[in-house]
Amino acid sequence: YEPIGTDKEGNQINFIDIIESEEPDVVERMDK
């Protein structure tokens, strides 16, 4: 749950949001 940055819209991204993928376009579309 560690905050590691924000997406293009300024929304907070947590480690859990990208644990399964390194592709930023997928991360930005995932709902926490």
PDB file of all heavy atoms in Angstrom:
ATOM      1  N   TYR A   1       0.824  -1.213   0.000  1.00  0.00           N
ATOM      2  CA  TYR A   1       0.000   0.000   0.000  1.00  0.00           C
ATOM      3  C   TYR A   1       0.858   1.264   0.000  1.00  0.00           C
ATOM      4  O   TYR A   1       0.352   2.362   0.180  1.00  0.00           O
ATOM      5  CB  TYR A   1      -0.927   0.022   1.217  1.00  0.00           C
ATOM      6  CG  TYR A   1      -2.059  -0.977   1.125  1.00  0.00           C
ATOM      7  CD1 TYR A   1      -2.133  -2.045   2.013  1.00  0.00           C
ATOM      8  CD2 TYR A   1      -3.034  -0.860   0.146  1.00  0.00           C
ATOM      9  CE1 TYR A   1      -3.162  -2.973   1.915  1.00  0.00           C
ATOM     10  CE2 TYR A   1      -4.063  -1.783   0.049  1.00  0.00           C
ATOM     11  CZ  TYR A   1      -4.127  -2.834   0.936  1.00  0.00           C
ATOM     12  OH  TYR A   1      -5.148  -3.749   0.843  1.00  0.00           O
ATOM     13  N   GLU A   2       2.165   1.125  -0.197  1.00  0.00           N
ATOM     14  CA  GLU A   2       3.065   2.266  -0.156  1.00  0.00           C
ATOM     15  C   GLU A   2       2.851   3.178  -1.360  1.00  0.00           C
ATOM     16  O   GLU A   2       2.899   2.725  -2.494  1.00  0.00           O
ATOM     17  CB  GLU A   2       4.511   1.762  -0.169  1.00  0.00           C
ATOM     18  CG  GLU A   2       5.563   2.847  -0.091  1.00  0.00           C
ATOM     19  CD  GLU A   2       5.827   3.279   1.332  1.00  0.00           C
ATOM     20  OE1 GLU A   2       5.272   2.665   2.246  1.00  0.00           O
ATOM     21  OE2 GLU A   2       6.582   4.234   1.497  1.00  0.00           O
ATOM     22  N   PRO A   3       2.575   4.474  -1.160  1.00  0.00           N
ATOM     23  CA  PRO A   3       2.457   5.392  -2.302  1.00  0.00           C
ATOM     24  C   PRO A   3       3.799   5.486  -3.027  1.00  0.00           C
ATOM     25  O   PRO A   3       4.827   5.704  -2.404  1.00  0.00           O
ATOM     26  CB  PRO A   3       2.093   6.728  -1.643  1.00  0.00           C
ATOM     27  CG  PRO A   3       1.579   6.370  -0.284  1.00  0.00           C
ATOM     28  CD  PRO A   3       2.336   5.146   0.118  1.00  0.00           C
ATOM     29  N   ILE A   4       3.767   5.306  -4.358  1.00  0.00           N
ATOM     30  CA  ILE A   4       5.016   5.353  -5.110  1.00  0.00           C
ATOM     31  C   ILE A   4       4.979   6.374  -6.241  1.00  0.00           C
ATOM     32  O   ILE A   4       5.907   6.452  -7.033  1.00  0.00           O
ATOM     33  CB  ILE A   4       5.359   3.964  -5.694  1.00  0.00           C
ATOM     34  CG1 ILE A   4       4.233   3.489  -6.617  1.00  0.00           C
ATOM     35  CG2 ILE A   4       5.633   2.962  -4.600  1.00  0.00           C
ATOM     36  CD1 ILE A   4       4.569   2.212  -7.347  1.00  0.00           C
ATOM     37  N   GLY A   5       3.907   7.162  -6.316  1.00  0.00           N
ATOM     38  CA  GLY A   5       3.845   8.175  -7.369  1.00  0.00           C
ATOM     39  C   GLY A   5       2.408   8.491  -7.739  1.00  0.00           C
ATOM     40  O   GLY A   5       1.464   8.123  -7.041  1.00  0.00           O
ATOM     41  N   THR A   6       2.247   9.193  -8.839  1.00  0.00           N
ATOM     42  CA  THR A   6       0.909   9.552  -9.332  1.00  0.00           C
ATOM     43  C   THR A   6       0.832   9.245 -10.819  1.00  0.00           C
ATOM     44  O   THR A   6       1.845   9.176 -11.530  1.00  0.00           O
ATOM     45  CB  THR A   6       0.628  11.048  -9.114  1.00  0.00           C
ATOM     46  OG1 THR A   6       1.649  11.818  -9.751  1.00  0.00           O
ATOM     47  CG2 THR A   6       0.594  11.384  -7.628  1.00  0.00           C
ATOM     48  N   ASP A   7      -0.410   9.072 -11.304  1.00  0.00           N
ATOM     49  CA  ASP A   7      -0.573   8.833 -12.734  1.00  0.00           C
ATOM     50  C   ASP A   7      -0.719  10.170 -13.468  1.00  0.00           C
ATOM     51  O   ASP A   7      -0.555  11.241 -12.884  1.00  0.00           O
ATOM     52  CB  ASP A   7      -1.787   7.918 -12.981  1.00  0.00           C
ATOM     53  CG  ASP A   7      -3.095   8.531 -12.489  1.00  0.00           C
ATOM     54  OD1 ASP A   7      -3.143   9.769 -12.275  1.00  0.00           O
ATOM     55  OD2 ASP A   7      -4.071   7.770 -12.333  1.00  0.00           O
ATOM     56  N   LYS A   8      -1.047  10.114 -14.768  1.00  0.00           N
ATOM     57  CA  LYS A   8      -1.102  11.323 -15.585  1.00  0.00           C
ATOM     58  C   LYS A   8      -2.193  12.287 -15.125  1.00  0.00           C
ATOM     59  O   LYS A   8      -2.137  13.478 -15.404  1.00  0.00           O
ATOM     60  CB  LYS A   8      -1.330  10.946 -17.047  1.00  0.00           C
ATOM     61  CG  LYS A   8      -0.129  10.239 -17.659  1.00  0.00           C
ATOM     62  CD  LYS A   8      -0.425   9.837 -19.098  1.00  0.00           C
ATOM     63  CE  LYS A   8       0.780   9.119 -19.701  1.00  0.00           C
ATOM     64  NZ  LYS A   8       0.516   8.673 -21.091  1.00  0.00           N
ATOM     65  N   GLU A   9      -3.200  11.757 -14.426  1.00  0.00           N
ATOM     66  CA  GLU A   9      -4.295  12.589 -13.952  1.00  0.00           C
ATOM     67  C   GLU A   9      -4.080  13.076 -12.524  1.00  0.00           C
ATOM     68  O   GLU A   9      -4.952  13.717 -11.939  1.00  0.00           O
ATOM     69  CB  GLU A   9      -5.610  11.809 -14.042  1.00  0.00           C
ATOM     70  CG  GLU A   9      -5.970  11.412 -15.477  1.00  0.00           C
ATOM     71  CD  GLU A   9      -7.211  10.535 -15.533  1.00  0.00           C
ATOM     72  OE1 GLU A   9      -7.751  10.204 -14.453  1.00  0.00           O
ATOM     73  OE2 GLU A   9      -7.625  10.197 -16.636  1.00  0.00           O
ATOM     74  N   GLY A  10      -2.943  12.754 -11.944  1.00  0.00           N
ATOM     75  CA  GLY A  10      -2.644  13.197 -10.592  1.00  0.00           C
ATOM     76  C   GLY A  10      -3.148  12.280  -9.506  1.00  0.00           C
ATOM     77  O   GLY A  10      -3.056  12.606  -8.327  1.00  0.00           O
ATOM     78  N   ASN A  11      -3.690  11.104  -9.877  1.00  0.00           N
ATOM     79  CA  ASN A  11      -4.185  10.158  -8.883  1.00  0.00           C
ATOM     80  C   ASN A  11      -3.029   9.364  -8.285  1.00  0.00           C
ATOM     81  O   ASN A  11      -2.083   8.990  -8.994  1.00  0.00           O
ATOM     82  CB  ASN A  11      -5.187   9.184  -9.514  1.00  0.00           C
ATOM     83  CG  ASN A  11      -6.406   9.898 -10.057  1.00  0.00           C
ATOM     84  OD1 ASN A  11      -6.990  10.745  -9.388  1.00  0.00           O
ATOM     85  ND2 ASN A  11      -6.775   9.580 -11.290  1.00  0.00           N
ATOM     86  N   GLN A  12      -3.107   9.104  -6.980  1.00  0.00           N
ATOM     87  CA  GLN A  12      -2.044   8.375  -6.294  1.00  0.00           C
ATOM     88  C   GLN A  12      -1.977   6.929  -6.768  1.00  0.00           C
ATOM     89  O   GLN A  12      -2.989   6.257  -6.911  1.00  0.00           O
ATOM     90  CB  GLN A  12      -2.286   8.413  -4.781  1.00  0.00           C
ATOM     91  CG  GLN A  12      -1.222   7.666  -3.973  1.00  0.00           C
ATOM     92  CD  GLN A  12      -1.428   7.849  -2.484  1.00  0.00           C
ATOM     93  OE1 GLN A  12      -1.156   8.904  -1.924  1.00  0.00           O
ATOM     94  NE2 GLN A  12      -1.936   6.817  -1.831  1.00  0.00           N
ATOM     95  N   ILE A  13      -0.751   6.455  -7.015  1.00  0.00           N
ATOM     96  CA  ILE A  13      -0.531   5.060  -7.393  1.00  0.00           C
ATOM     97  C   ILE A  13       0.163   4.360  -6.237  1.00  0.00           C
ATOM     98  O   ILE A  13       1.165   4.847  -5.720  1.00  0.00           O
ATOM     99  CB  ILE A  13       0.357   4.952  -8.651  1.00  0.00           C
ATOM    100  CG1 ILE A  13      -0.309   5.636  -9.847  1.00  0.00           C
ATOM    101  CG2 ILE A  13       0.637   3.485  -8.980  1.00  0.00           C
ATOM    102  CD1 ILE A  13       0.586   5.710 -11.067  1.00  0.00           C
ATOM    103  N   ASN A  14      -0.371   3.210  -5.809  1.00  0.00           N
ATOM    104  CA  ASN A  14       0.225   2.412  -4.757  1.00  0.00           C
ATOM    105  C   ASN A  14       0.912   1.197  -5.369  1.00  0.00           C
ATOM    106  O   ASN A  14       0.623   0.810  -6.512  1.00  0.00           O
ATOM    107  CB  ASN A  14      -0.820   1.935  -3.747  1.00  0.00           C
ATOM    108  CG  ASN A  14      -1.442   3.093  -3.001  1.00  0.00           C
ATOM    109  OD1 ASN A  14      -0.841   4.160  -2.908  1.00  0.00           O
ATOM    110  ND2 ASN A  14      -2.635   2.904  -2.493  1.00  0.00           N
ATOM    111  N   PHE A  15       1.808   0.579  -4.585  1.00  0.00           N
ATOM    112  CA  PHE A  15       2.522  -0.600  -5.073  1.00  0.00           C
ATOM    113  C   PHE A  15       1.568  -1.697  -5.492  1.00  0.00           C
ATOM    114  O   PHE A  15       1.803  -2.409  -6.471  1.00  0.00           O
ATOM    115  CB  PHE A  15       3.459  -1.097  -3.958  1.00  0.00           C
ATOM    116  CG  PHE A  15       4.285  -2.291  -4.341  1.00  0.00           C
ATOM    117  CD1 PHE A  15       5.179  -2.214  -5.395  1.00  0.00           C
ATOM    118  CD2 PHE A  15       4.189  -3.467  -3.637  1.00  0.00           C
ATOM    119  CE1 PHE A  15       5.949  -3.300  -5.740  1.00  0.00           C
ATOM    120  CE2 PHE A  15       4.949  -4.558  -3.979  1.00  0.00           C
ATOM    121  CZ  PHE A  15       5.838  -4.474  -5.037  1.00  0.00           C
ATOM    122  N   ILE A  16       0.448  -1.842  -4.763  1.00  0.00           N
ATOM    123  CA  ILE A  16      -0.504  -2.896  -5.089  1.00  0.00           C
ATOM    124  C   ILE A  16      -1.085  -2.714  -6.490  1.00  0.00           C
ATOM    125  O   ILE A  16      -1.490  -3.656  -7.146  1.00  0.00           O
ATOM    126  CB  ILE A  16      -1.645  -2.955  -4.041  1.00  0.00           C
ATOM    127  CG1 ILE A  16      -2.466  -4.234  -4.214  1.00  0.00           C
ATOM    128  CG2 ILE A  16      -2.531  -1.728  -4.125  1.00  0.00           C
ATOM    129  CD1 ILE A  16      -3.470  -4.464  -3.121  1.00  0.00           C
ATOM    130  N   ASP A  17      -1.111  -1.454  -6.972  1.00  0.00           N
ATOM    131  CA  ASP A  17      -1.701  -1.167  -8.282  1.00  0.00           C
ATOM    132  C   ASP A  17      -0.838  -1.658  -9.439  1.00  0.00           C
ATOM    133  O   ASP A  17      -1.333  -1.806 -10.554  1.00  0.00           O
ATOM    134  CB  ASP A  17      -1.929   0.338  -8.439  1.00  0.00           C
ATOM    135  CG  ASP A  17      -2.925   0.877  -7.440  1.00  0.00           C
ATOM    136  OD1 ASP A  17      -3.922   0.183  -7.167  1.00  0.00           O
ATOM    137  OD2 ASP A  17      -2.695   1.976  -6.915  1.00  0.00           O
ATOM    138  N   ILE A  18       0.461  -1.888  -9.180  1.00  0.00           N
ATOM    139  CA  ILE A  18       1.339  -2.280 -10.286  1.00  0.00           C
ATOM    140  C   ILE A  18       2.082  -3.572 -10.007  1.00  0.00           C
ATOM    141  O   ILE A  18       2.981  -3.941 -10.746  1.00  0.00           O
ATOM    142  CB  ILE A  18       2.378  -1.172 -10.597  1.00  0.00           C
ATOM    143  CG1 ILE A  18       3.293  -0.944  -9.399  1.00  0.00           C
ATOM    144  CG2 ILE A  18       1.702   0.110 -11.004  1.00  0.00           C
ATOM    145  CD1 ILE A  18       4.481  -0.053  -9.716  1.00  0.00           C
ATOM    146  N   ILE A  19       1.695  -4.268  -8.951  1.00  0.00           N
ATOM    147  CA  ILE A  19       2.442  -5.446  -8.530  1.00  0.00           C
ATOM    148  C   ILE A  19       2.506  -6.503  -9.621  1.00  0.00           C
ATOM    149  O   ILE A  19       3.445  -7.281  -9.702  1.00  0.00           O
ATOM    150  CB  ILE A  19       1.831  -6.037  -7.228  1.00  0.00           C
ATOM    151  CG1 ILE A  19       2.797  -7.030  -6.591  1.00  0.00           C
ATOM    152  CG2 ILE A  19       0.490  -6.671  -7.482  1.00  0.00           C
ATOM    153  CD1 ILE A  19       2.362  -7.500  -5.226  1.00  0.00           C
ATOM    154  N   GLU A  20       1.503  -6.551 -10.492  1.00  0.00           N
ATOM    155  CA  GLU A  20       1.465  -7.577 -11.514  1.00  0.00           C
ATOM    156  C   GLU A  20       1.852  -7.075 -12.892  1.00  0.00           C
ATOM    157  O   GLU A  20       1.858  -7.817 -13.842  1.00  0.00           O
ATOM    158  CB  GLU A  20       0.063  -8.205 -11.574  1.00  0.00           C
ATOM    159  CG  GLU A  20      -0.975  -7.429 -12.394  1.00  0.00           C
ATOM    160  CD  GLU A  20      -1.245  -6.036 -11.869  1.00  0.00           C
ATOM    161  OE1 GLU A  20      -0.858  -5.723 -10.736  1.00  0.00           O
ATOM    162  OE2 GLU A  20      -1.841  -5.254 -12.606  1.00  0.00           O
ATOM    163  N   SER A  21       2.204  -5.789 -13.032  1.00  0.00           N
ATOM    164  CA  SER A  21       2.512  -5.273 -14.364  1.00  0.00           C
ATOM    165  C   SER A  21       3.444  -4.078 -14.287  1.00  0.00           C
ATOM    166  O   SER A  21       3.389  -3.302 -13.352  1.00  0.00           O
ATOM    167  CB  SER A  21       1.212  -4.857 -15.071  1.00  0.00           C
ATOM    168  OG  SER A  21       1.495  -4.236 -16.312  1.00  0.00           O
ATOM    169  N   GLU A  22       4.296  -3.938 -15.270  1.00  0.00           N
ATOM    170  CA  GLU A  22       5.189  -2.792 -15.345  1.00  0.00           C
ATOM    171  C   GLU A  22       4.727  -1.794 -16.398  1.00  0.00           C
ATOM    172  O   GLU A  22       5.393  -0.789 -16.640  1.00  0.00           O
ATOM    173  CB  GLU A  22       6.613  -3.264 -15.671  1.00  0.00           C
ATOM    174  CG  GLU A  22       7.227  -4.128 -14.594  1.00  0.00           C
ATOM    175  CD  GLU A  22       8.609  -4.613 -14.949  1.00  0.00           C
ATOM    176  OE1 GLU A  22       9.074  -4.311 -16.058  1.00  0.00           O
ATOM    177  OE2 GLU A  22       9.223  -5.284 -14.114  1.00  0.00           O
ATOM    178  N   GLU A  23       3.604  -2.058 -17.049  1.00  0.00           N
ATOM    179  CA  GLU A  23       3.139  -1.190 -18.115  1.00  0.00           C
ATOM    180  C   GLU A  23       2.301  -0.050 -17.553  1.00  0.00           C
ATOM    181  O   GLU A  23       1.232  -0.274 -16.978  1.00  0.00           O
ATOM    182  CB  GLU A  23       2.306  -1.992 -19.120  1.00  0.00           C
ATOM    183  CG  GLU A  23       3.116  -3.070 -19.803  1.00  0.00           C
ATOM    184  CD  GLU A  23       2.286  -3.814 -20.834  1.00  0.00           C
ATOM    185  OE1 GLU A  23       1.353  -3.210 -21.385  1.00  0.00           O
ATOM    186  OE2 GLU A  23       2.581  -4.991 -21.057  1.00  0.00           O
ATOM    187  N   PRO A  24       2.725   1.210 -17.694  1.00  0.00           N
ATOM    188  CA  PRO A  24       2.029   2.339 -17.090  1.00  0.00           C
ATOM    189  C   PRO A  24       0.614   2.531 -17.607  1.00  0.00           C
ATOM    190  O   PRO A  24      -0.255   2.984 -16.892  1.00  0.00           O
ATOM    191  CB  PRO A  24       2.913   3.545 -17.434  1.00  0.00           C
ATOM    192  CG  PRO A  24       3.753   3.087 -18.587  1.00  0.00           C
ATOM    193  CD  PRO A  24       3.948   1.625 -18.386  1.00  0.00           C
ATOM    194  N   ASP A  25       0.335   2.173 -18.884  1.00  0.00           N
ATOM    195  CA  ASP A  25      -1.025   2.376 -19.391  1.00  0.00           C
ATOM    196  C   ASP A  25      -2.019   1.472 -18.681  1.00  0.00           C
ATOM    197  O   ASP A  25      -3.179   1.840 -18.462  1.00  0.00           O
ATOM    198  CB  ASP A  25      -1.085   2.141 -20.901  1.00  0.00           C
ATOM    199  CG  ASP A  25      -0.656   0.737 -21.282  1.00  0.00           C
ATOM    200  OD1 ASP A  25       0.283   0.218 -20.651  1.00  0.00           O
ATOM    201  OD2 ASP A  25      -1.242   0.167 -22.211  1.00  0.00           O
ATOM    202  N   VAL A  26      -1.568   0.257 -18.291  1.00  0.00           N
ATOM    203  CA  VAL A  26      -2.434  -0.642 -17.533  1.00  0.00           C
ATOM    204  C   VAL A  26      -2.642  -0.090 -16.130  1.00  0.00           C
ATOM    205  O   VAL A  26      -3.758  -0.067 -15.608  1.00  0.00           O
ATOM    206  CB  VAL A  26      -1.817  -2.056 -17.458  1.00  0.00           C
ATOM    207  CG1 VAL A  26      -2.640  -2.944 -16.550  1.00  0.00           C
ATOM    208  CG2 VAL A  26      -1.718  -2.655 -18.850  1.00  0.00           C
ATOM    209  N   VAL A  27      -1.551   0.379 -15.500  1.00  0.00           N
ATOM    210  CA  VAL A  27      -1.625   0.925 -14.146  1.00  0.00           C
ATOM    211  C   VAL A  27      -2.639   2.054 -14.077  1.00  0.00           C
ATOM    212  O   VAL A  27      -3.450   2.142 -13.143  1.00  0.00           O
ATOM    213  CB  VAL A  27      -0.245   1.440 -13.708  1.00  0.00           C
ATOM    214  CG1 VAL A  27      -0.338   2.174 -12.376  1.00  0.00           C
ATOM    215  CG2 VAL A  27       0.736   0.287 -13.589  1.00  0.00           C
ATOM    216  N   GLU A  28      -2.623   2.932 -15.040  1.00  0.00           N
ATOM    217  CA  GLU A  28      -3.475   4.116 -15.003  1.00  0.00           C
ATOM    218  C   GLU A  28      -4.949   3.755 -15.126  1.00  0.00           C
ATOM    219  O   GLU A  28      -5.809   4.515 -14.712  1.00  0.00           O
ATOM    220  CB  GLU A  28      -3.059   5.078 -16.129  1.00  0.00           C
ATOM    221  CG  GLU A  28      -1.691   5.698 -15.886  1.00  0.00           C
ATOM    222  CD  GLU A  28      -1.135   6.394 -17.113  1.00  0.00           C
ATOM    223  OE1 GLU A  28      -1.884   6.535 -18.088  1.00  0.00           O
ATOM    224  OE2 GLU A  28       0.038   6.785 -17.078  1.00  0.00           O
ATOM    225  N   ARG A  29      -5.260   2.596 -15.679  1.00  0.00           N
ATOM    226  CA  ARG A  29      -6.650   2.225 -15.851  1.00  0.00           C
ATOM    227  C   ARG A  29      -7.194   1.368 -14.712  1.00  0.00           C
ATOM    228  O   ARG A  29      -8.387   1.099 -14.642  1.00  0.00           O
ATOM    229  CB  ARG A  29      -6.790   1.445 -17.160  1.00  0.00           C
ATOM    230  CG  ARG A  29      -6.772   2.413 -18.317  1.00  0.00           C
ATOM    231  CD  ARG A  29      -6.448   1.903 -19.581  1.00  0.00           C
ATOM    232  NE  ARG A  29      -6.854   1.050 -20.400  1.00  0.00           N
ATOM    233  CZ  ARG A  29      -6.227   0.462 -21.455  1.00  0.00           C
ATOM    234  NH1 ARG A  29      -5.277   0.422 -21.705  1.00  0.00           N
ATOM    235  NH2 ARG A  29      -6.559  -0.154 -22.305  1.00  0.00           N
ATOM    236  N   MET A  30      -6.278   0.891 -13.842  1.00  0.00           N
ATOM    237  CA  MET A  30      -6.722   0.005 -12.770  1.00  0.00           C
ATOM    238  C   MET A  30      -7.364   0.787 -11.636  1.00  0.00           C
ATOM    239  O   MET A  30      -6.841   1.792 -11.197  1.00  0.00           O
ATOM    240  CB  MET A  30      -5.524  -0.785 -12.214  1.00  0.00           C
ATOM    241  CG  MET A  30      -4.904  -1.746 -13.222  1.00  0.00           C
ATOM    242  SD  MET A  30      -6.084  -2.911 -13.892  1.00  0.00           S
ATOM    243  CE  MET A  30      -6.493  -3.810 -12.416  1.00  0.00           C
ATOM    244  N   ASP A  31      -8.477   0.286 -11.154  1.00  0.00           N
ATOM    245  CA  ASP A  31      -9.153   0.893 -10.015  1.00  0.00           C
ATOM    246  C   ASP A  31      -8.662   0.214  -8.741  1.00  0.00           C
ATOM    247  O   ASP A  31      -8.651  -1.010  -8.638  1.00  0.00           O
ATOM    248  CB  ASP A  31     -10.664   0.709 -10.133  1.00  0.00           C
ATOM    249  CG  ASP A  31     -11.395   1.209  -8.906  1.00  0.00           C
ATOM    250  OD1 ASP A  31     -11.544   2.427  -8.759  1.00  0.00           O
ATOM    251  OD2 ASP A  31     -11.801   0.374  -8.078  1.00  0.00           O
ATOM    252  N   LYS A  32      -8.240   1.023  -7.758  1.00  0.00           N
ATOM    253  CA  LYS A  32      -7.635   0.484  -6.542  1.00  0.00           C
ATOM    254  C   LYS A  32      -8.545  -0.504  -5.814  1.00  0.00           C
ATOM    255  O   LYS A  32      -8.138  -1.611  -5.446  1.00  0.00           O
ATOM    256  CB  LYS A  32      -7.272   1.642  -5.610  1.00  0.00           C
ATOM    257  CG  LYS A  32      -6.684   1.196  -4.277  1.00  0.00           C
ATOM    258  CD  LYS A  32      -6.352   2.404  -3.432  1.00  0.00           C
ATOM    259  CE  LYS A  32      -5.890   1.975  -2.057  1.00  0.00           C
ATOM    260  NZ  LYS A  32      -5.561   3.134  -1.208  1.00  0.00           N
TER     261      LYS A  32
END
